[in-house]
Amino acid sequence: MRILLIGGGHTHVVALRHLARKPQAGLDLHLVSPDSTTSYSGLLPGHVAGHWPRNALEIPLEPLCKAAGATFHIAKATHLDPSKREAIFSDGRQFGFDHASLDIGAIAAIDAPESLKARGVPVKPLGIFADRWMEFVADVRSQTRPPHVAIVGAGTAGIELALSMKYHLDNIAAVQSVCVSLLERSDCILPGASDSLRRQLARALAKAGIVIKTSASVTDATDDTLLLNSGETVPSRFTVLASGARPYPWLAETGLETHVGFIVVDETLRSVSHPAIFACGDTAHLGFAPKPKAGVYAVRQGPVLAEQIIRLIKGEALTTYRPQLDYLKLVSLGHRRALAEKWGLTLNLPGLWSLKRHIDLKFMEN
């Protein structure tokens, strides 16, 4: 049975690890990804803060494929025909399969003027963002760019990045004035989060000296400043776009049933319209139990997808995926501290950063 994994997202990485431990006769497994590595989101705040080098984020895909007995193709999937069970790669190859799984992540949701789109750096894809951040850090060190940063979007990701960036810039820009601004369209940071988490993170942002502007949207951008709807200007020589996720546009051309562009799947992670296709991670919309886009769901789907592949090979009924109702959120505060939140309860304890580090590094070691 020929199975094609499209994309090197967290679910596919974990699934490959499981399949490496359970080799299956009769499985012709393939992974296609435009890059030889994939970036782990859990370590991104620590890298931005200067705790981890750039290569610490990267998971090499070819060794994973080799361990799982899979063939690795460095290319981008540009089209998928679920009825013909055929994918087209960026190098022009047509690739037939029996089943396919999509885990290509998402791209930044940029609802902004063209000037901001041209100058802003989307958080996703993570690898490109990390490279751009390192270029900016090098410019700040050489004093060719001032340490002025603005983050558009005050969700958890935007807040973690703001705190991490402020910490790193404070440590390298001794003779320059650091300015980090956090911009949010809603009337509060962390819209939809628990009040306790919002209060704790607002306190951390204030302590770090980060400028917070709510009910704020960018109307224009130059190389040096952002103009807000209020008429205020915010200095920025590195503008981060952390305002949510959107699907890759080509998914809409596949004929798969989608929800706001993401592939709708059932409890088995299969497309509700084309059962030969699975979708996971940020690429999927859990039609049976909608959840926010979060890496923890993608990671937990990995063993499920591996089990589905094994059951397909054996001709057995598929298992079901039950996403957790809530999960432990560990939010980095830039310096070696973290907050923990679950079930509306937020804790700020000295050992939480070490716990986050342990979880993230263990994921990479495995």
Protein backbone atom coordinates (compact mmCIF):
# COMPACT_ATOMS: atom_id res chain seq x y z
CA MET A 1 0.00 0.00 0.00
CA ARG A 2 1.44 3.36 -1.05
CA ILE A 3 0.90 6.18 1.42
CA LEU A 4 2.04 9.75 0.84
CA LEU A 5 2.66 12.14 3.73
CA ILE A 6 2.47 15.71 2.43
CA GLY A 7 4.36 18.15 4.64
CA GLY A 8 6.79 17.85 7.52
CA GLY A 9 4.50 19.08 10.28
CA HIS A 10 4.54 17.94 13.89
CA THR A 11 1.96 15.17 13.35
CA HIS A 12 3.93 13.58 10.53
CA VAL A 13 7.17 13.81 12.52
CA VAL A 14 5.63 11.96 15.47
CA ALA A 15 3.91 9.44 13.18
CA LEU A 16 7.24 8.63 11.48
CA ARG A 17 8.84 8.07 14.89
CA HIS A 18 6.12 5.59 15.82
CA LEU A 19 6.29 3.78 12.48
CA ALA A 20 10.06 3.47 12.86
CA ARG A 21 9.40 1.43 16.01
CA LYS A 22 6.70 -0.67 14.30
CA PRO A 23 7.85 -1.53 10.75
CA GLN A 24 5.05 -2.84 8.55
CA ALA A 25 5.38 -5.29 5.68
CA GLY A 26 3.61 -4.10 2.56
CA LEU A 27 3.91 -0.40 3.41
CA ASP A 28 5.32 1.87 0.70
CA LEU A 29 5.64 5.11 2.65
CA HIS A 30 6.67 8.50 1.22
CA LEU A 31 7.12 11.99 2.65
CA VAL A 32 7.26 15.11 0.48
CA SER A 33 8.44 18.42 1.95
CA PRO A 34 10.13 21.47 0.41
CA ASP A 35 12.77 21.53 3.16
CA SER A 36 15.16 18.95 4.56
CA THR A 37 14.26 19.99 8.12
CA THR A 38 11.18 21.13 9.99
CA SER A 39 11.11 23.67 12.82
CA TYR A 40 9.71 22.78 16.25
CA SER A 41 7.41 25.53 17.52
CA GLY A 42 7.94 24.76 21.21
CA LEU A 43 11.53 25.98 21.13
CA LEU A 44 10.88 29.15 19.12
CA PRO A 45 10.37 31.53 22.09
CA GLY A 46 13.56 30.25 23.72
CA HIS A 47 15.49 30.73 20.49
CA VAL A 48 14.13 34.26 20.06
CA ALA A 49 15.15 35.04 23.66
CA GLY A 50 18.67 33.83 22.91
CA HIS A 51 18.55 30.64 25.00
CA TRP A 52 18.84 28.23 22.05
CA PRO A 53 20.87 28.48 18.82
CA ARG A 54 19.07 28.50 15.49
CA ASN A 55 19.83 24.85 14.72
CA ALA A 56 18.23 23.73 17.99
CA LEU A 57 14.81 24.25 16.39
CA GLU A 58 15.43 21.96 13.45
CA ILE A 59 14.32 18.34 13.09
CA PRO A 60 16.07 16.58 10.15
CA LEU A 61 13.46 14.80 8.05
CA GLU A 62 15.61 12.43 6.01
CA PRO A 63 16.91 10.43 9.03
CA LEU A 64 13.34 10.13 10.31
CA CYS A 65 12.20 8.82 6.95
CA LYS A 66 15.10 6.37 6.77
CA ALA A 67 14.31 5.03 10.24
CA ALA A 68 10.66 4.53 9.27
CA GLY A 69 11.51 2.95 5.92
CA ALA A 70 10.01 5.91 4.06
CA THR A 71 11.23 7.60 0.88
CA PHE A 72 11.91 11.32 1.28
CA HIS A 73 11.18 13.74 -1.57
CA ILE A 74 12.46 17.31 -1.31
CA ALA A 75 9.74 19.14 -3.22
CA LYS A 76 6.57 21.08 -2.59
CA ALA A 77 3.18 19.54 -3.24
CA THR A 78 1.37 22.05 -5.44
CA HIS A 79 -1.82 20.17 -6.25
CA LEU A 80 -3.80 17.23 -4.95
CA ASP A 81 -6.53 15.33 -6.77
CA PRO A 82 -8.24 13.22 -4.09
CA SER A 83 -10.50 11.47 -6.62
CA LYS A 84 -7.64 10.33 -8.84
CA ARG A 85 -5.46 9.83 -5.75
CA GLU A 86 -2.68 11.80 -7.32
CA ALA A 87 -0.43 14.65 -6.18
CA ILE A 88 1.65 17.00 -8.30
CA PHE A 89 5.03 18.14 -7.02
CA SER A 90 6.77 21.44 -7.71
CA ASP A 91 9.29 19.62 -9.93
CA GLY A 92 6.46 18.51 -12.20
CA ARG A 93 6.23 14.91 -11.00
CA GLN A 94 2.84 13.24 -10.79
CA PHE A 95 2.69 10.96 -7.78
CA GLY A 96 -0.03 8.36 -7.34
CA PHE A 97 -1.01 6.93 -3.95
CA ASP A 98 -3.56 4.76 -2.17
CA HIS A 99 -3.88 7.11 0.80
CA ALA A 100 -2.42 10.51 1.60
CA SER A 101 -2.12 12.69 4.69
CA LEU A 102 -1.81 16.46 4.70
CA ASP A 103 0.20 18.18 7.44
CA ILE A 104 1.53 21.32 5.78
CA GLY A 105 0.77 23.72 8.62
CA ALA A 106 -0.69 27.14 7.98
CA ILE A 107 0.43 30.63 7.03
CA ALA A 108 0.01 33.89 8.89
CA ALA A 109 -3.40 35.54 8.63
CA ILE A 110 -2.52 38.96 7.26
CA ASP A 111 -5.52 41.27 7.01
CA ALA A 112 -3.49 44.43 6.58
CA PRO A 113 -2.56 47.21 4.18
CA GLU A 114 -0.10 46.33 1.44
CA SER A 115 2.63 48.39 3.08
CA LEU A 116 2.43 46.21 6.20
CA LYS A 117 2.33 42.98 4.19
CA ALA A 118 5.45 44.09 2.35
CA ARG A 119 7.42 44.94 5.50
CA GLY A 120 6.00 42.56 8.10
CA VAL A 121 7.54 39.19 8.92
CA PRO A 122 4.94 36.43 9.43
CA VAL A 123 5.52 34.05 12.33
CA LYS A 124 4.70 31.17 10.00
CA PRO A 125 6.55 29.43 8.43
CA LEU A 126 8.66 29.24 11.59
CA GLY A 127 11.99 28.56 9.90
CA ILE A 128 11.82 31.64 7.70
CA PHE A 129 10.76 33.76 10.67
CA ALA A 130 13.67 32.50 12.79
CA ASP A 131 16.13 33.33 10.01
CA ARG A 132 14.77 36.86 9.66
CA TRP A 133 14.97 37.38 13.43
CA MET A 134 18.61 36.33 13.49
CA GLU A 135 19.35 38.82 10.69
CA PHE A 136 17.74 41.57 12.74
CA VAL A 137 19.66 40.59 15.88
CA ALA A 138 22.91 40.75 13.89
CA ASP A 139 21.98 44.24 12.65
CA VAL A 140 21.20 45.40 16.19
CA ARG A 141 24.55 44.08 17.41
CA SER A 142 26.34 45.97 14.63
CA GLN A 143 24.15 49.05 15.31
CA THR A 144 22.96 49.20 11.70
CA ARG A 145 19.34 48.92 12.84
CA PRO A 146 17.87 50.26 16.09
CA PRO A 147 16.23 47.72 18.47
CA HIS A 148 12.68 48.79 17.64
CA VAL A 149 10.18 45.93 17.29
CA ALA A 150 6.40 45.77 16.90
CA ILE A 151 4.29 42.62 17.17
CA VAL A 152 0.88 42.68 15.48
CA GLY A 153 -1.40 40.31 17.40
CA ALA A 154 -1.53 39.87 21.17
CA GLY A 155 -2.50 36.22 21.40
CA THR A 156 -0.31 33.77 23.26
CA ALA A 157 2.22 33.56 20.42
CA GLY A 158 2.49 37.32 20.07
CA ILE A 159 2.93 37.82 23.82
CA GLU A 160 5.59 35.09 24.09
CA LEU A 161 7.50 36.65 21.20
CA ALA A 162 7.21 40.16 22.63
CA LEU A 163 8.64 39.04 25.99
CA SER A 164 11.37 36.96 24.35
CA MET A 165 12.41 39.74 21.99
CA LYS A 166 12.52 42.32 24.76
CA TYR A 167 14.70 40.06 26.88
CA HIS A 168 17.14 39.36 24.03
CA LEU A 169 17.35 42.98 22.87
CA ASP A 170 17.87 44.26 26.41
CA ASN A 171 20.90 41.98 26.65
CA ILE A 172 22.56 43.01 23.37
CA ALA A 173 21.62 46.68 22.90
CA ALA A 174 23.42 48.22 25.87
CA VAL A 175 23.94 51.63 24.25
CA GLN A 176 20.64 51.77 22.36
CA SER A 177 17.10 52.35 23.58
CA VAL A 178 15.01 49.18 23.17
CA CYS A 179 11.36 49.62 22.19
CA VAL A 180 9.02 46.64 21.86
CA SER A 181 5.36 47.31 21.10
CA LEU A 182 2.47 44.86 21.16
CA LEU A 183 -0.55 45.75 19.03
CA GLU A 184 -3.99 44.13 19.30
CA ARG A 185 -7.21 44.90 17.41
CA SER A 186 -9.43 43.71 20.25
CA ASP A 187 -10.01 45.78 23.35
CA CYS A 188 -7.80 43.48 25.44
CA ILE A 189 -4.81 41.21 25.06
CA LEU A 190 -5.39 37.47 24.82
CA PRO A 191 -9.00 37.68 23.62
CA GLY A 192 -10.80 34.47 24.60
CA ALA A 193 -8.27 33.44 27.26
CA SER A 194 -8.96 33.04 30.96
CA ASP A 195 -8.95 36.18 33.10
CA SER A 196 -6.23 34.78 35.33
CA LEU A 197 -3.84 34.15 32.43
CA ARG A 198 -4.58 37.57 30.98
CA ARG A 199 -3.86 39.30 34.29
CA GLN A 200 -0.60 37.44 34.85
CA LEU A 201 0.70 38.09 31.33
CA ALA A 202 -0.35 41.75 31.43
CA ARG A 203 1.71 42.04 34.60
CA ALA A 204 4.70 40.36 32.93
CA LEU A 205 4.46 42.66 29.90
CA ALA A 206 4.30 45.75 32.09
CA LYS A 207 7.28 44.59 34.15
CA ALA A 208 9.29 44.02 30.97
CA GLY A 209 8.50 47.54 29.77
CA ILE A 210 6.61 46.47 26.67
CA VAL A 211 4.25 49.04 25.15
CA ILE A 212 0.72 47.62 24.79
CA LYS A 213 -1.84 49.17 22.46
CA THR A 214 -5.30 47.60 22.25
CA SER A 215 -8.13 48.50 19.85
CA ALA A 216 -5.25 49.22 17.52
CA SER A 217 -4.83 48.34 13.87
CA VAL A 218 -2.09 49.33 11.44
CA THR A 219 -3.20 51.59 8.60
CA ASP A 220 0.20 52.16 7.02
CA ALA A 221 3.80 51.06 7.41
CA THR A 222 7.17 52.53 6.48
CA ASP A 223 10.68 51.19 7.02
CA ASP A 224 10.79 52.95 10.40
CA THR A 225 7.27 53.31 11.77
CA LEU A 226 3.75 51.93 11.85
CA LEU A 227 0.77 54.28 11.62
CA LEU A 228 -2.21 53.22 13.75
CA ASN A 229 -5.92 53.86 13.29
CA SER A 230 -5.74 56.24 16.25
CA GLY A 231 -3.27 58.44 14.38
CA GLU A 232 -0.40 57.39 16.67
CA THR A 233 2.88 56.11 15.28
CA VAL A 234 4.90 53.21 16.64
CA PRO A 235 8.62 52.79 15.89
CA SER A 236 9.49 49.48 14.28
CA ARG A 237 12.43 48.19 12.32
CA PHE A 238 11.27 44.58 12.70
CA THR A 239 7.52 44.04 12.48
CA VAL A 240 6.12 40.65 13.45
CA LEU A 241 2.79 39.41 12.07
CA ALA A 242 1.30 37.11 14.73
CA SER A 243 -2.37 37.66 14.05
CA GLY A 244 -3.57 34.10 13.57
CA ALA A 245 -3.41 31.38 10.92
CA ARG A 246 -4.85 30.87 7.46
CA PRO A 247 -4.72 27.79 5.22
CA TYR A 248 -2.56 27.51 2.16
CA PRO A 249 -4.69 28.73 -0.77
CA TRP A 250 -4.15 25.67 -2.95
CA LEU A 251 -6.13 23.49 -0.54
CA ALA A 252 -9.31 25.18 -1.79
CA GLU A 253 -8.60 23.77 -5.27
CA THR A 254 -8.48 20.13 -4.16
CA GLY A 255 -12.23 19.58 -3.92
CA LEU A 256 -11.88 18.43 -0.33
CA GLU A 257 -14.54 19.73 2.05
CA THR A 258 -13.13 22.67 3.99
CA HIS A 259 -14.04 25.04 6.80
CA VAL A 260 -12.62 28.53 6.23
CA GLY A 261 -10.07 26.79 4.00
CA PHE A 262 -8.97 24.06 6.43
CA ILE A 263 -9.76 20.42 5.61
CA VAL A 264 -12.68 19.07 7.61
CA VAL A 265 -11.92 15.68 9.17
CA ASP A 266 -13.86 13.17 11.24
CA GLU A 267 -12.84 11.28 14.39
CA THR A 268 -10.42 9.12 12.37
CA LEU A 269 -8.63 12.22 10.98
CA ARG A 270 -9.95 11.37 7.51
CA SER A 271 -11.50 13.93 5.21
CA VAL A 272 -15.28 13.89 5.56
CA SER A 273 -15.61 14.15 1.78
CA HIS A 274 -12.73 11.92 0.58
CA PRO A 275 -11.89 9.06 2.98
CA ALA A 276 -8.60 8.27 1.21
CA ILE A 277 -7.22 11.57 2.50
CA PHE A 278 -6.18 12.33 6.09
CA ALA A 279 -5.43 15.80 7.43
CA CYS A 280 -3.66 16.72 10.67
CA GLY A 281 -2.28 19.56 12.73
CA ASP A 282 -3.01 23.11 11.62
CA THR A 283 -4.09 21.83 8.18
CA ALA A 284 -7.16 20.14 9.64
CA HIS A 285 -10.44 21.39 11.04
CA LEU A 286 -11.81 18.92 13.59
CA GLY A 287 -15.41 18.98 12.44
CA PHE A 288 -16.51 16.71 15.29
CA ALA A 289 -14.80 18.77 18.03
CA PRO A 290 -13.41 22.11 16.81
CA LYS A 291 -10.23 23.23 18.58
CA PRO A 292 -7.88 26.21 18.29
CA LYS A 293 -4.69 25.83 16.28
CA ALA A 294 -2.10 24.60 18.77
CA GLY A 295 0.96 22.40 18.49
CA VAL A 296 -0.16 20.17 21.35
CA TYR A 297 -3.05 18.84 19.25
CA ALA A 298 -0.75 18.19 16.30
CA VAL A 299 1.69 16.24 18.47
CA ARG A 300 -1.09 14.16 20.05
CA GLN A 301 -2.42 13.28 16.58
CA GLY A 302 0.90 11.70 15.57
CA PRO A 303 0.44 8.31 17.29
CA VAL A 304 -3.16 8.22 16.04
CA LEU A 305 -2.09 8.72 12.42
CA ALA A 306 0.60 6.05 12.77
CA GLU A 307 -2.01 3.65 14.15
CA GLN A 308 -4.35 4.45 11.26
CA ILE A 309 -1.62 3.60 8.75
CA ILE A 310 -0.91 0.30 10.51
CA ARG A 311 -4.63 -0.56 10.54
CA LEU A 312 -4.99 0.31 6.86
CA ILE A 313 -2.16 -2.10 6.05
CA LYS A 314 -3.80 -4.84 8.12
CA GLY A 315 -7.31 -4.14 6.80
CA GLU A 316 -8.61 -3.34 10.27
CA ALA A 317 -11.15 -0.73 11.37
CA LEU A 318 -9.62 2.64 12.13
CA THR A 319 -9.28 3.98 15.65
CA THR A 320 -10.68 7.34 16.80
CA TYR A 321 -8.95 10.50 17.95
CA ARG A 322 -10.34 12.25 21.02
CA PRO A 323 -8.75 15.68 21.56
CA GLN A 324 -8.26 16.66 25.17
CA LEU A 325 -10.79 19.17 26.50
CA ASP A 326 -7.99 21.37 27.82
CA TYR A 327 -4.23 21.13 27.99
CA LEU A 328 -1.38 22.48 30.07
CA LYS A 329 -0.22 25.77 28.56
CA LEU A 330 3.35 26.72 29.42
CA VAL A 331 4.01 30.30 28.35
CA SER A 332 7.59 31.55 28.23
CA LEU A 333 8.23 34.94 29.83
CA GLY A 334 11.45 35.67 27.94
CA HIS A 335 13.85 35.23 30.82
CA ARG A 336 14.09 31.78 32.32
CA ARG A 337 10.59 31.88 33.77
CA ALA A 338 7.26 30.55 32.54
CA LEU A 339 3.59 30.61 33.44
CA ALA A 340 1.37 27.54 33.49
CA GLU A 341 -2.38 27.58 32.86
CA LYS A 342 -5.04 24.88 32.76
CA TRP A 343 -8.74 24.83 33.54
CA GLY A 344 -8.61 28.59 34.14
CA LEU A 345 -5.98 28.30 36.88
CA THR A 346 -2.68 30.15 36.29
CA LEU A 347 0.54 29.48 38.20
CA ASN A 348 3.80 31.45 38.20
CA LEU A 349 6.40 29.25 39.89
CA PRO A 350 10.21 29.09 39.58
CA GLY A 351 10.32 25.51 38.25
CA LEU A 352 7.92 25.97 35.33
CA TRP A 353 10.54 27.15 32.86
CA SER A 354 12.60 24.07 33.64
CA LEU A 355 9.50 21.93 33.07
CA LYS A 356 8.91 23.57 29.68
CA ARG A 357 12.55 23.10 28.76
CA HIS A 358 12.39 19.42 29.78
CA ILE A 359 9.25 18.79 27.70
CA ASP A 360 10.60 20.59 24.62
CA LEU A 361 14.06 19.03 24.70
CA LYS A 362 12.65 15.57 25.34
CA PHE A 363 10.46 15.98 22.25
CA MET A 364 13.55 16.84 20.19
CA GLU A 365 15.64 14.01 21.69
CA ASN A 366 12.97 11.43 20.87
